[in-house]
Amino acid sequence: MGLQMSPTSGSGAVAQRLKQGICTAALTEILSTWDGKNLQERGIPTQALVNVYDKWGHGGYGMILTGNIQVSPAGRQTPLAVNAHPFSVSDIQLKGNPPLQLYGTPIALTEEQIKTEVVDRFVFAAKYAHKHGFDGVQLHSAHGYLLSSFLSPTTNNRTDKYGGSVENRFRVVREVYEAIRKEIPPTTGFIVGIKVNSVEFQDKGLGVEDAKAIGAMIEACGFDFVELSGGTLEKLAFAHLRESTKRREAFFLEFAQQVRECCGLFFQFSPYELGGFRTAPAMVLAVRDGSTDGIGLGRPATAEPDEVRHFKEAVNEYFKGAAELAARNEPVYKPMKYKNVVS
């Protein structure tokens, strides 16, 4: 599923690294079954979902990140209809948008429950995935969900060993990783990555300095890759951006460069960056200048499942005439061939 990038140089090497390092970003698919009364009929994969992953599986991606697989408890972003009082890091309620988005008042986990309800459940899920043929798992520590809530000072008001300093707020992530690796060591080849927020775009929220410290701790743990994203349900990642920023590519690339600088020249993990990539020049430059080892694509991968097949042509054209291609702002993907990729 994933390929660790190795230090290389030259245009051909960059093209090869990009071909291997393009992954599909986790997406909200909404392609499984739902039954309001029968729990046994919920969440069953449909043929449409199978078709999507079949397209991506044959599309040449270096890694495919599945979407919306949640270990329970999900934290304070659990919808009210699912659980009025979900477990979370603290009892800080999420402000929803009535009447469509309603969330209950969470119950703060005890230290014992952090072990039994969080760490142990992530380990169970990782072992289940490993047993059934997945190449790895990614710990979702972004976008305001449970692990992300531990990391953020806006949602973590604990006064015990899981709150306060950035080291304490990261503690549960480290415990989850170490517990998984105790059961599934790196020698098995099983990949353990992580998704984290670069910034939250909220007052007193996770900022660049905290996130850089978290990046150093991720490296010390030994994660195989880190995916950089941003935002929460309260403050979406792109809502704060100026129009000039929205028009350019790679929303989080500046942060990725700062992580590179703070963690040194040699990484134990491969950083992946997503958010707005659309053209060959932007992707090539991001990898070529060392800001990131891989690119995550969401909407383009959905619109054109065979995108990576066309990517080599675009990269070769870039190196033959970079200035001309950049001036044309030519997209990586060609006009969509599959009118209905989930039929």
C-alpha atoms as a PDB file:
ATOM      1  CA  MET A   1       0.000   0.000   0.000  1.00  0.00           C
ATOM      2  CA  GLY A   2       2.719   2.483   0.933  1.00  0.00           C
ATOM      3  CA  LEU A   3       6.239   2.950  -0.329  1.00  0.00           C
ATOM      4  CA  GLN A   4       8.951   4.541   1.823  1.00  0.00           C
ATOM      5  CA  MET A   5      10.779   7.184  -0.172  1.00  0.00           C
ATOM      6  CA  SER A   6      14.577   6.986  -0.434  1.00  0.00           C
ATOM      7  CA  PRO A   7      16.980   9.920  -1.008  1.00  0.00           C
ATOM      8  CA  THR A   8      17.511  10.335  -4.743  1.00  0.00           C
ATOM      9  CA  SER A   9      18.363  13.105  -7.167  1.00  0.00           C
ATOM     10  CA  GLY A  10      17.853  14.099 -10.767  1.00  0.00           C
ATOM     11  CA  SER A  11      14.736  14.612 -12.862  1.00  0.00           C
ATOM     12  CA  GLY A  12      14.148  10.909 -13.443  1.00  0.00           C
ATOM     13  CA  ALA A  13      14.461  10.189  -9.733  1.00  0.00           C
ATOM     14  CA  VAL A  14      11.989  12.944  -8.885  1.00  0.00           C
ATOM     15  CA  ALA A  15       9.531  11.555 -11.407  1.00  0.00           C
ATOM     16  CA  GLN A  16       9.862   8.062  -9.933  1.00  0.00           C
ATOM     17  CA  ARG A  17       9.479   9.336  -6.366  1.00  0.00           C
ATOM     18  CA  LEU A  18       6.357  11.223  -7.373  1.00  0.00           C
ATOM     19  CA  LYS A  19       4.889   8.214  -9.125  1.00  0.00           C
ATOM     20  CA  GLN A  20       5.394   6.131  -5.977  1.00  0.00           C
ATOM     21  CA  GLY A  21       4.594   8.927  -3.558  1.00  0.00           C
ATOM     22  CA  ILE A  22       1.171   9.960  -4.854  1.00  0.00           C
ATOM     23  CA  CYS A  23      -1.543   8.650  -2.574  1.00  0.00           C
ATOM     24  CA  THR A  24      -5.300   8.940  -2.504  1.00  0.00           C
ATOM     25  CA  ALA A  25      -6.375  11.074   0.429  1.00  0.00           C
ATOM     26  CA  ALA A  26      -9.030   9.711   2.770  1.00  0.00           C
ATOM     27  CA  LEU A  27     -12.450  10.868   1.579  1.00  0.00           C
ATOM     28  CA  THR A  28     -16.060  10.791   2.741  1.00  0.00           C
ATOM     29  CA  GLU A  29     -17.437   8.192   0.347  1.00  0.00           C
ATOM     30  CA  ILE A  30     -21.013   7.613   1.611  1.00  0.00           C
ATOM     31  CA  LEU A  31     -21.176   4.408  -0.431  1.00  0.00           C
ATOM     32  CA  SER A  32     -22.033   1.824   2.230  1.00  0.00           C
ATOM     33  CA  THR A  33     -25.510   0.749   3.302  1.00  0.00           C
ATOM     34  CA  TRP A  34     -27.664   2.448   5.923  1.00  0.00           C
ATOM     35  CA  ASP A  35     -30.691   1.181   7.773  1.00  0.00           C
ATOM     36  CA  GLY A  36     -32.382   3.330  10.384  1.00  0.00           C
ATOM     37  CA  LYS A  37     -33.746   0.361  12.328  1.00  0.00           C
ATOM     38  CA  ASN A  38     -31.602  -2.697  11.642  1.00  0.00           C
ATOM     39  CA  LEU A  39     -28.042  -2.326  12.944  1.00  0.00           C
ATOM     40  CA  GLN A  40     -26.956  -5.443  11.062  1.00  0.00           C
ATOM     41  CA  GLU A  41     -27.779  -3.733   7.762  1.00  0.00           C
ATOM     42  CA  ARG A  42     -25.606  -0.694   8.385  1.00  0.00           C
ATOM     43  CA  GLY A  43     -22.167  -0.085   6.968  1.00  0.00           C
ATOM     44  CA  ILE A  44     -22.075  -2.915   4.450  1.00  0.00           C
ATOM     45  CA  PRO A  45     -19.836  -2.049   1.456  1.00  0.00           C
ATOM     46  CA  THR A  46     -21.762  -1.708  -1.797  1.00  0.00           C
ATOM     47  CA  GLN A  47     -20.583  -2.660  -5.275  1.00  0.00           C
ATOM     48  CA  ALA A  48     -20.164   1.052  -5.971  1.00  0.00           C
ATOM     49  CA  LEU A  49     -17.600   1.285  -3.159  1.00  0.00           C
ATOM     50  CA  VAL A  50     -15.812  -1.804  -4.458  1.00  0.00           C
ATOM     51  CA  ASN A  51     -15.659  -0.218  -7.916  1.00  0.00           C
ATOM     52  CA  VAL A  52     -14.048   2.948  -6.549  1.00  0.00           C
ATOM     53  CA  TYR A  53     -11.237   1.055  -4.858  1.00  0.00           C
ATOM     54  CA  ASP A  54     -10.834  -1.209  -7.858  1.00  0.00           C
ATOM     55  CA  LYS A  55     -10.216   1.879 -10.006  1.00  0.00           C
ATOM     56  CA  TRP A  56      -7.699   3.289  -7.533  1.00  0.00           C
ATOM     57  CA  GLY A  57      -6.069  -0.098  -7.039  1.00  0.00           C
ATOM     58  CA  HIS A  58      -5.278  -0.300 -10.749  1.00  0.00           C
ATOM     59  CA  GLY A  59      -4.427   3.389 -11.007  1.00  0.00           C
ATOM     60  CA  GLY A  60      -0.775   3.195 -10.000  1.00  0.00           C
ATOM     61  CA  TYR A  61      -0.988   4.997  -6.649  1.00  0.00           C
ATOM     62  CA  GLY A  62       1.793   4.381  -4.153  1.00  0.00           C
ATOM     63  CA  MET A  63      -0.678   4.330  -1.275  1.00  0.00           C
ATOM     64  CA  ILE A  64      -4.467   4.249  -0.913  1.00  0.00           C
ATOM     65  CA  LEU A  65      -5.903   5.730   2.277  1.00  0.00           C
ATOM     66  CA  THR A  66      -9.381   4.440   3.045  1.00  0.00           C
ATOM     67  CA  GLY A  67     -12.053   6.833   4.263  1.00  0.00           C
ATOM     68  CA  ASN A  68     -14.336   7.072   7.294  1.00  0.00           C
ATOM     69  CA  ILE A  69     -13.203   4.081   9.322  1.00  0.00           C
ATOM     70  CA  GLN A  70     -13.599   5.277  12.895  1.00  0.00           C
ATOM     71  CA  VAL A  71     -12.458   3.657  16.125  1.00  0.00           C
ATOM     72  CA  SER A  72     -15.049   4.264  18.850  1.00  0.00           C
ATOM     73  CA  PRO A  73     -15.171   6.531  20.801  1.00  0.00           C
ATOM     74  CA  ALA A  74     -14.833   9.255  18.177  1.00  0.00           C
ATOM     75  CA  GLY A  75     -14.708  12.064  20.731  1.00  0.00           C
ATOM     76  CA  ARG A  76     -16.774  15.207  21.025  1.00  0.00           C
ATOM     77  CA  GLN A  77     -17.515  15.328  17.289  1.00  0.00           C
ATOM     78  CA  THR A  78     -19.836  12.344  17.693  1.00  0.00           C
ATOM     79  CA  PRO A  79     -23.311  13.401  16.426  1.00  0.00           C
ATOM     80  CA  LEU A  80     -25.984  13.791  19.086  1.00  0.00           C
ATOM     81  CA  ALA A  81     -28.136  11.171  17.349  1.00  0.00           C
ATOM     82  CA  VAL A  82     -25.367   8.605  17.823  1.00  0.00           C
ATOM     83  CA  ASN A  83     -24.386   9.391  21.412  1.00  0.00           C
ATOM     84  CA  ALA A  84     -25.561  12.282  23.575  1.00  0.00           C
ATOM     85  CA  HIS A  85     -22.598  11.925  25.941  1.00  0.00           C
ATOM     86  CA  PRO A  86     -19.582  10.469  24.135  1.00  0.00           C
ATOM     87  CA  PHE A  87     -16.226   9.933  25.788  1.00  0.00           C
ATOM     88  CA  SER A  88     -13.655  12.585  24.939  1.00  0.00           C
ATOM     89  CA  VAL A  89     -10.473  14.121  26.265  1.00  0.00           C
ATOM     90  CA  SER A  90     -12.447  16.788  28.172  1.00  0.00           C
ATOM     91  CA  ASP A  91     -16.059  17.849  28.722  1.00  0.00           C
ATOM     92  CA  ILE A  92     -15.873  20.749  26.253  1.00  0.00           C
ATOM     93  CA  GLN A  93     -18.901  20.610  23.951  1.00  0.00           C
ATOM     94  CA  LEU A  94     -18.598  21.128  20.211  1.00  0.00           C
ATOM     95  CA  LYS A  95     -20.587  24.055  18.865  1.00  0.00           C
ATOM     96  CA  GLY A  96     -22.759  22.706  16.084  1.00  0.00           C
ATOM     97  CA  ASN A  97     -25.008  24.357  13.517  1.00  0.00           C
ATOM     98  CA  PRO A  98     -28.608  23.650  14.609  1.00  0.00           C
ATOM     99  CA  PRO A  99     -30.752  22.009  13.485  1.00  0.00           C
ATOM    100  CA  LEU A 100     -28.525  20.064  11.070  1.00  0.00           C
ATOM    101  CA  GLN A 101     -25.461  19.570  13.262  1.00  0.00           C
ATOM    102  CA  LEU A 102     -26.021  18.805  16.927  1.00  0.00           C
ATOM    103  CA  TYR A 103     -23.508  17.415  19.389  1.00  0.00           C
ATOM    104  CA  GLY A 104     -23.907  16.332  22.995  1.00  0.00           C
ATOM    105  CA  THR A 105     -21.847  17.148  26.056  1.00  0.00           C
ATOM    106  CA  PRO A 106     -18.860  14.796  26.207  1.00  0.00           C
ATOM    107  CA  ILE A 107     -17.641  12.937  29.273  1.00  0.00           C
ATOM    108  CA  ALA A 108     -13.954  13.256  30.089  1.00  0.00           C
ATOM    109  CA  LEU A 109     -12.119   9.943  29.994  1.00  0.00           C
ATOM    110  CA  THR A 110     -10.375   8.782  33.145  1.00  0.00           C
ATOM    111  CA  GLU A 111      -6.741   7.706  32.931  1.00  0.00           C
ATOM    112  CA  GLU A 112      -7.850   4.079  33.196  1.00  0.00           C
ATOM    113  CA  GLN A 113     -10.404   4.579  30.407  1.00  0.00           C
ATOM    114  CA  ILE A 114      -7.751   6.111  28.161  1.00  0.00           C
ATOM    115  CA  LYS A 115      -6.038   2.730  28.343  1.00  0.00           C
ATOM    116  CA  THR A 116      -9.130   0.527  27.983  1.00  0.00           C
ATOM    117  CA  GLU A 117     -11.358   2.682  25.734  1.00  0.00           C
ATOM    118  CA  VAL A 118      -8.730   4.327  23.529  1.00  0.00           C
ATOM    119  CA  VAL A 119      -5.328   2.621  23.424  1.00  0.00           C
ATOM    120  CA  ASP A 120      -6.635  -0.949  23.577  1.00  0.00           C
ATOM    121  CA  ARG A 121      -9.274  -0.284  20.916  1.00  0.00           C
ATOM    122  CA  PHE A 122      -6.791   1.214  18.473  1.00  0.00           C
ATOM    123  CA  VAL A 123      -4.583  -1.830  18.985  1.00  0.00           C
ATOM    124  CA  PHE A 124      -7.530  -4.162  18.348  1.00  0.00           C
ATOM    125  CA  ALA A 125      -8.382  -2.283  15.137  1.00  0.00           C
ATOM    126  CA  ALA A 126      -4.769  -2.389  13.912  1.00  0.00           C
ATOM    127  CA  LYS A 127      -4.499  -6.125  14.602  1.00  0.00           C
ATOM    128  CA  TYR A 128      -7.792  -6.703  12.787  1.00  0.00           C
ATOM    129  CA  ALA A 129      -6.585  -4.738   9.753  1.00  0.00           C
ATOM    130  CA  HIS A 130      -3.265  -6.594   9.740  1.00  0.00           C
ATOM    131  CA  LYS A 131      -4.970  -9.976  10.027  1.00  0.00           C
ATOM    132  CA  HIS A 132      -7.248  -9.243   7.080  1.00  0.00           C
ATOM    133  CA  GLY A 133      -4.591  -8.132   4.633  1.00  0.00           C
ATOM    134  CA  PHE A 134      -4.190  -4.380   4.996  1.00  0.00           C
ATOM    135  CA  ASP A 135      -0.656  -3.082   4.511  1.00  0.00           C
ATOM    136  CA  GLY A 136      -0.934  -0.598   7.342  1.00  0.00           C
ATOM    137  CA  VAL A 137      -3.026   1.853   9.336  1.00  0.00           C
ATOM    138  CA  GLN A 138      -3.073   5.597   9.783  1.00  0.00           C
ATOM    139  CA  LEU A 139      -3.855   7.177  13.162  1.00  0.00           C
ATOM    140  CA  HIS A 140      -6.278  10.026  12.469  1.00  0.00           C
ATOM    141  CA  SER A 141      -4.996  12.755  14.773  1.00  0.00           C
ATOM    142  CA  ALA A 142      -6.445  15.696  12.847  1.00  0.00           C
ATOM    143  CA  HIS A 143      -9.703  17.533  12.139  1.00  0.00           C
ATOM    144  CA  GLY A 144     -10.923  17.577  15.749  1.00  0.00           C
ATOM    145  CA  TYR A 145     -11.544  13.870  16.301  1.00  0.00           C
ATOM    146  CA  LEU A 146     -10.508  12.079  19.494  1.00  0.00           C
ATOM    147  CA  LEU A 147      -6.714  11.932  19.155  1.00  0.00           C
ATOM    148  CA  SER A 148      -6.721  15.417  17.669  1.00  0.00           C
ATOM    149  CA  SER A 149      -8.693  16.633  20.700  1.00  0.00           C
ATOM    150  CA  PHE A 150      -5.913  15.401  22.968  1.00  0.00           C
ATOM    151  CA  LEU A 151      -3.342  17.368  20.969  1.00  0.00           C
ATOM    152  CA  SER A 152      -5.230  20.674  20.844  1.00  0.00           C
ATOM    153  CA  PRO A 153      -5.123  23.171  23.744  1.00  0.00           C
ATOM    154  CA  THR A 154      -8.630  24.359  22.792  1.00  0.00           C
ATOM    155  CA  THR A 155     -10.183  20.977  23.590  1.00  0.00           C
ATOM    156  CA  ASN A 156      -7.746  19.510  26.135  1.00  0.00           C
ATOM    157  CA  ASN A 157      -8.128  21.166  29.537  1.00  0.00           C
ATOM    158  CA  ARG A 158      -6.859  18.191  31.525  1.00  0.00           C
ATOM    159  CA  THR A 159      -4.562  18.720  34.510  1.00  0.00           C
ATOM    160  CA  ASP A 160      -3.154  15.180  34.660  1.00  0.00           C
ATOM    161  CA  LYS A 161      -0.358  13.577  32.628  1.00  0.00           C
ATOM    162  CA  TYR A 162      -2.445  13.853  29.431  1.00  0.00           C
ATOM    163  CA  GLY A 163      -2.886  17.630  29.575  1.00  0.00           C
ATOM    164  CA  GLY A 164      -0.928  20.848  29.786  1.00  0.00           C
ATOM    165  CA  SER A 165       2.361  20.692  27.906  1.00  0.00           C
ATOM    166  CA  VAL A 166       2.555  19.622  24.281  1.00  0.00           C
ATOM    167  CA  GLU A 167       4.500  16.550  25.431  1.00  0.00           C
ATOM    168  CA  ASN A 168       1.637  15.542  27.735  1.00  0.00           C
ATOM    169  CA  ARG A 169      -0.984  16.197  25.071  1.00  0.00           C
ATOM    170  CA  PHE A 170       0.940  13.962  22.662  1.00  0.00           C
ATOM    171  CA  ARG A 171       1.257  11.180  25.256  1.00  0.00           C
ATOM    172  CA  VAL A 172      -1.821   9.194  24.175  1.00  0.00           C
ATOM    173  CA  VAL A 173      -0.666   9.170  20.536  1.00  0.00           C
ATOM    174  CA  ARG A 174       2.697   7.793  21.591  1.00  0.00           C
ATOM    175  CA  GLU A 175       1.019   5.170  23.792  1.00  0.00           C
ATOM    176  CA  VAL A 176      -1.226   4.055  20.930  1.00  0.00           C
ATOM    177  CA  TYR A 177       1.724   3.797  18.549  1.00  0.00           C
ATOM    178  CA  GLU A 178       3.906   1.880  21.005  1.00  0.00           C
ATOM    179  CA  ALA A 179       1.064  -0.499  21.889  1.00  0.00           C
ATOM    180  CA  ILE A 180       0.433  -1.248  18.204  1.00  0.00           C
ATOM    181  CA  ARG A 181       4.124  -1.829  17.564  1.00  0.00           C
ATOM    182  CA  LYS A 182       4.315  -4.178  20.549  1.00  0.00           C
ATOM    183  CA  GLU A 183       1.738  -6.398  18.824  1.00  0.00           C
ATOM    184  CA  ILE A 184       2.791  -5.721  15.209  1.00  0.00           C
ATOM    185  CA  PRO A 185       6.505  -4.824  15.126  1.00  0.00           C
ATOM    186  CA  PRO A 186       8.113  -3.011  12.186  1.00  0.00           C
ATOM    187  CA  THR A 187       9.798  -6.263  11.148  1.00  0.00           C
ATOM    188  CA  THR A 188       6.398  -7.472   9.895  1.00  0.00           C
ATOM    189  CA  GLY A 189       6.440  -4.736   7.239  1.00  0.00           C
ATOM    190  CA  PHE A 190       3.150  -3.354   8.576  1.00  0.00           C
ATOM    191  CA  ILE A 191       2.967   0.423   8.086  1.00  0.00           C
ATOM    192  CA  VAL A 192       1.844   2.787  10.852  1.00  0.00           C
ATOM    193  CA  GLY A 193       1.331   6.389   9.756  1.00  0.00           C
ATOM    194  CA  ILE A 194      -0.403   9.392  11.234  1.00  0.00           C
ATOM    195  CA  LYS A 195      -2.477  12.356  10.055  1.00  0.00           C
ATOM    196  CA  VAL A 196      -2.022  15.579  12.025  1.00  0.00           C
ATOM    197  CA  ASN A 197      -3.150  19.170  11.802  1.00  0.00           C
ATOM    198  CA  SER A 198      -0.539  21.662  10.754  1.00  0.00           C
ATOM    199  CA  VAL A 199      -2.634  24.431  12.304  1.00  0.00           C
ATOM    200  CA  GLU A 200      -6.243  24.712  13.496  1.00  0.00           C
ATOM    201  CA  PHE A 201      -6.949  28.326  12.511  1.00  0.00           C
ATOM    202  CA  GLN A 202      -8.612  29.011  15.889  1.00  0.00           C
ATOM    203  CA  ASP A 203      -7.772  31.429  18.697  1.00  0.00           C
ATOM    204  CA  LYS A 204      -5.479  29.633  21.164  1.00  0.00           C
ATOM    205  CA  GLY A 205      -5.647  26.562  18.942  1.00  0.00           C
ATOM    206  CA  LEU A 206      -2.833  24.325  17.793  1.00  0.00           C
ATOM    207  CA  GLY A 207      -0.237  26.643  16.300  1.00  0.00           C
ATOM    208  CA  VAL A 208       2.870  26.230  14.217  1.00  0.00           C
ATOM    209  CA  GLU A 209       5.300  25.944  17.145  1.00  0.00           C
ATOM    210  CA  ASP A 210       3.262  23.230  18.875  1.00  0.00           C
ATOM    211  CA  ALA A 211       2.824  21.412  15.594  1.00  0.00           C
ATOM    212  CA  LYS A 212       6.567  21.537  14.918  1.00  0.00           C
ATOM    213  CA  ALA A 213       7.190  20.029  18.367  1.00  0.00           C
ATOM    214  CA  ILE A 214       4.641  17.325  17.587  1.00  0.00           C
ATOM    215  CA  GLY A 215       6.465  16.649  14.315  1.00  0.00           C
ATOM    216  CA  ALA A 216       9.688  16.036  16.236  1.00  0.00           C
ATOM    217  CA  MET A 217       7.892  13.633  18.594  1.00  0.00           C
ATOM    218  CA  ILE A 218       6.343  11.796  15.644  1.00  0.00           C
ATOM    219  CA  GLU A 219       9.833  11.307  14.268  1.00  0.00           C
ATOM    220  CA  ALA A 220      11.119  10.072  17.628  1.00  0.00           C
ATOM    221  CA  CYS A 221       8.306   7.509  17.836  1.00  0.00           C
ATOM    222  CA  GLY A 222       9.193   5.998  14.475  1.00  0.00           C
ATOM    223  CA  PHE A 223       6.026   6.543  12.449  1.00  0.00           C
ATOM    224  CA  ASP A 224       6.430   5.476   8.816  1.00  0.00           C
ATOM    225  CA  PHE A 225       4.752   8.554   7.359  1.00  0.00           C
ATOM    226  CA  VAL A 226       2.897  11.667   8.440  1.00  0.00           C
ATOM    227  CA  GLU A 227       0.098  13.303   6.459  1.00  0.00           C
ATOM    228  CA  LEU A 228      -0.255  17.040   7.025  1.00  0.00           C
ATOM    229  CA  SER A 229      -3.699  18.601   7.006  1.00  0.00           C
ATOM    230  CA  GLY A 230      -5.577  21.223   9.009  1.00  0.00           C
ATOM    231  CA  GLY A 231      -8.816  22.449  10.529  1.00  0.00           C
ATOM    232  CA  THR A 232     -11.658  21.060  12.662  1.00  0.00           C
ATOM    233  CA  LEU A 233     -15.428  20.848  12.302  1.00  0.00           C
ATOM    234  CA  GLU A 234     -15.652  24.170  14.151  1.00  0.00           C
ATOM    235  CA  LYS A 235     -13.130  25.874  11.882  1.00  0.00           C
ATOM    236  CA  LEU A 236     -12.698  24.293   8.474  1.00  0.00           C
ATOM    237  CA  ALA A 237      -9.180  24.246   7.100  1.00  0.00           C
ATOM    238  CA  PHE A 238      -9.844  26.528   4.164  1.00  0.00           C
ATOM    239  CA  ALA A 239     -12.378  28.945   5.652  1.00  0.00           C
ATOM    240  CA  HIS A 240      -9.690  31.353   6.899  1.00  0.00           C
ATOM    241  CA  LEU A 241      -7.735  31.551   3.672  1.00  0.00           C
ATOM    242  CA  ARG A 242      -7.572  34.629   1.530  1.00  0.00           C
ATOM    243  CA  GLU A 243      -8.704  34.267  -2.054  1.00  0.00           C
ATOM    244  CA  SER A 244      -5.101  34.552  -3.253  1.00  0.00           C
ATOM    245  CA  THR A 245      -4.190  31.549  -1.095  1.00  0.00           C
ATOM    246  CA  LYS A 246      -7.199  29.548  -2.231  1.00  0.00           C
ATOM    247  CA  ARG A 247      -6.188  30.081  -5.841  1.00  0.00           C
ATOM    248  CA  ARG A 248      -2.676  28.755  -5.343  1.00  0.00           C
ATOM    249  CA  GLU A 249      -1.795  25.133  -4.739  1.00  0.00           C
ATOM    250  CA  ALA A 250      -0.539  23.224  -1.677  1.00  0.00           C
ATOM    251  CA  PHE A 251      -2.326  24.942   1.218  1.00  0.00           C
ATOM    252  CA  PHE A 252      -0.105  23.368   3.907  1.00  0.00           C
ATOM    253  CA  LEU A 253       3.231  23.277   2.078  1.00  0.00           C
ATOM    254  CA  GLU A 254       4.750  26.159   4.019  1.00  0.00           C
ATOM    255  CA  PHE A 255       4.200  24.244   7.235  1.00  0.00           C
ATOM    256  CA  ALA A 256       5.681  21.093   5.716  1.00  0.00           C
ATOM    257  CA  GLN A 257       8.842  23.052   4.965  1.00  0.00           C
ATOM    258  CA  GLN A 258       9.035  24.222   8.583  1.00  0.00           C
ATOM    259  CA  VAL A 259       8.679  20.653   9.840  1.00  0.00           C
ATOM    260  CA  ARG A 260      11.570  19.659   7.586  1.00  0.00           C
ATOM    261  CA  GLU A 261      13.709  22.403   9.114  1.00  0.00           C
ATOM    262  CA  CYS A 262      12.887  21.613  12.740  1.00  0.00           C
ATOM    263  CA  CYS A 263      13.318  17.844  12.428  1.00  0.00           C
ATOM    264  CA  GLY A 264      16.633  17.959  10.605  1.00  0.00           C
ATOM    265  CA  LEU A 265      17.812  16.615   7.292  1.00  0.00           C
ATOM    266  CA  PHE A 266      17.238  12.911   7.900  1.00  0.00           C
ATOM    267  CA  PHE A 267      13.729  11.659   8.534  1.00  0.00           C
ATOM    268  CA  GLN A 268      12.611   8.355   9.985  1.00  0.00           C
ATOM    269  CA  PHE A 269       9.225   9.082   8.437  1.00  0.00           C
ATOM    270  CA  SER A 270       8.052  10.334   5.064  1.00  0.00           C
ATOM    271  CA  PRO A 271       5.913  13.482   5.188  1.00  0.00           C
ATOM    272  CA  TYR A 272       2.934  13.570   2.824  1.00  0.00           C
ATOM    273  CA  GLU A 273       1.171  16.822   2.024  1.00  0.00           C
ATOM    274  CA  LEU A 274      -2.330  17.343   0.683  1.00  0.00           C
ATOM    275  CA  GLY A 275      -4.599  20.284   0.037  1.00  0.00           C
ATOM    276  CA  GLY A 276      -5.061  21.876  -3.360  1.00  0.00           C
ATOM    277  CA  PHE A 277      -2.499  20.159  -5.573  1.00  0.00           C
ATOM    278  CA  ARG A 278      -3.701  20.251  -9.178  1.00  0.00           C
ATOM    279  CA  THR A 279      -0.711  20.656 -11.519  1.00  0.00           C
ATOM    280  CA  ALA A 280       2.468  18.776 -12.378  1.00  0.00           C
ATOM    281  CA  PRO A 281       4.785  21.764 -11.713  1.00  0.00           C
ATOM    282  CA  ALA A 282       3.511  22.253  -8.152  1.00  0.00           C
ATOM    283  CA  MET A 283       3.879  18.569  -7.296  1.00  0.00           C
ATOM    284  CA  VAL A 284       7.329  18.260  -8.843  1.00  0.00           C
ATOM    285  CA  LEU A 285       8.659  21.353  -7.095  1.00  0.00           C
ATOM    286  CA  ALA A 286       7.232  20.284  -3.711  1.00  0.00           C
ATOM    287  CA  VAL A 287       9.118  16.981  -3.892  1.00  0.00           C
ATOM    288  CA  ARG A 288      12.192  18.319  -5.666  1.00  0.00           C
ATOM    289  CA  ASP A 289      12.897  21.013  -3.059  1.00  0.00           C
ATOM    290  CA  GLY A 290      12.493  18.520  -0.210  1.00  0.00           C
ATOM    291  CA  SER A 291       9.341  19.990   1.321  1.00  0.00           C
ATOM    292  CA  THR A 292       7.506  16.678   1.113  1.00  0.00           C
ATOM    293  CA  ASP A 293       8.078  13.080   0.063  1.00  0.00           C
ATOM    294  CA  GLY A 294       4.592  12.509  -1.261  1.00  0.00           C
ATOM    295  CA  ILE A 295       1.390  14.133  -2.462  1.00  0.00           C
ATOM    296  CA  GLY A 296      -2.139  13.340  -1.326  1.00  0.00           C
ATOM    297  CA  LEU A 297      -4.940  13.769  -3.862  1.00  0.00           C
ATOM    298  CA  GLY A 298      -8.659  13.701  -3.129  1.00  0.00           C
ATOM    299  CA  ARG A 299     -10.944  15.266  -5.714  1.00  0.00           C
ATOM    300  CA  PRO A 300      -8.560  14.780  -8.667  1.00  0.00           C
ATOM    301  CA  ALA A 301      -8.221  11.077  -7.813  1.00  0.00           C
ATOM    302  CA  THR A 302     -11.999  10.776  -7.738  1.00  0.00           C
ATOM    303  CA  ALA A 303     -12.514  12.642 -11.000  1.00  0.00           C
ATOM    304  CA  GLU A 304      -9.753  10.716 -12.785  1.00  0.00           C
ATOM    305  CA  PRO A 305      -8.896   7.361 -11.166  1.00  0.00           C
ATOM    306  CA  ASP A 306      -6.157   6.790 -13.764  1.00  0.00           C
ATOM    307  CA  GLU A 307      -4.440  10.069 -12.942  1.00  0.00           C
ATOM    308  CA  VAL A 308      -1.096   8.541 -11.992  1.00  0.00           C
ATOM    309  CA  ARG A 309      -0.961   6.706 -15.321  1.00  0.00           C
ATOM    310  CA  HIS A 310      -0.944  10.083 -17.038  1.00  0.00           C
ATOM    311  CA  PHE A 311       1.378  11.659 -14.518  1.00  0.00           C
ATOM    312  CA  LYS A 312       4.652  10.415 -16.008  1.00  0.00           C
ATOM    313  CA  GLU A 313       3.819  12.170 -19.261  1.00  0.00           C
ATOM    314  CA  ALA A 314       3.092  15.392 -17.410  1.00  0.00           C
ATOM    315  CA  VAL A 315       6.308  15.188 -15.378  1.00  0.00           C
ATOM    316  CA  ASN A 316       8.425  14.492 -18.449  1.00  0.00           C
ATOM    317  CA  GLU A 317       6.831  17.457 -20.182  1.00  0.00           C
ATOM    318  CA  TYR A 318       7.584  19.567 -17.137  1.00  0.00           C
ATOM    319  CA  PHE A 319      11.288  18.823 -17.253  1.00  0.00           C
ATOM    320  CA  LYS A 320      11.418  19.446 -21.002  1.00  0.00           C
ATOM    321  CA  GLY A 321       9.771  22.818 -20.750  1.00  0.00           C
ATOM    322  CA  ALA A 322       9.132  23.803 -17.129  1.00  0.00           C
ATOM    323  CA  ALA A 323       8.621  27.478 -17.774  1.00  0.00           C
ATOM    324  CA  GLU A 324       6.193  26.874 -20.621  1.00  0.00           C
ATOM    325  CA  LEU A 325       4.157  24.337 -18.637  1.00  0.00           C
ATOM    326  CA  ALA A 326       4.048  26.538 -15.557  1.00  0.00           C
ATOM    327  CA  ALA A 327       2.882  29.466 -17.649  1.00  0.00           C
ATOM    328  CA  ARG A 328       0.075  27.343 -19.111  1.00  0.00           C
ATOM    329  CA  ASN A 329      -0.755  26.000 -15.637  1.00  0.00           C
ATOM    330  CA  GLU A 330      -1.541  22.688 -17.319  1.00  0.00           C
ATOM    331  CA  PRO A 331      -3.384  20.229 -15.071  1.00  0.00           C
ATOM    332  CA  VAL A 332      -1.925  16.862 -14.161  1.00  0.00           C
ATOM    333  CA  TYR A 333      -5.037  14.985 -15.083  1.00  0.00           C
ATOM    334  CA  LYS A 334      -6.533  14.795 -18.538  1.00  0.00           C
ATOM    335  CA  PRO A 335     -10.260  15.229 -19.213  1.00  0.00           C
ATOM    336  CA  MET A 336     -12.178  12.616 -17.270  1.00  0.00           C
ATOM    337  CA  LYS A 337     -12.709   9.382 -19.164  1.00  0.00           C
ATOM    338  CA  TYR A 338     -14.931   7.697 -16.597  1.00  0.00           C
ATOM    339  CA  LYS A 339     -18.311   9.393 -16.623  1.00  0.00           C
ATOM    340  CA  ASN A 340     -19.430   7.330 -13.659  1.00  0.00           C
ATOM    341  CA  VAL A 341     -16.591   5.865 -11.641  1.00  0.00           C
ATOM    342  CA  VAL A 342     -18.896   4.208  -9.107  1.00  0.00           C
ATOM    343  CA  SER A 343     -21.345   2.529 -11.468  1.00  0.00           C
END
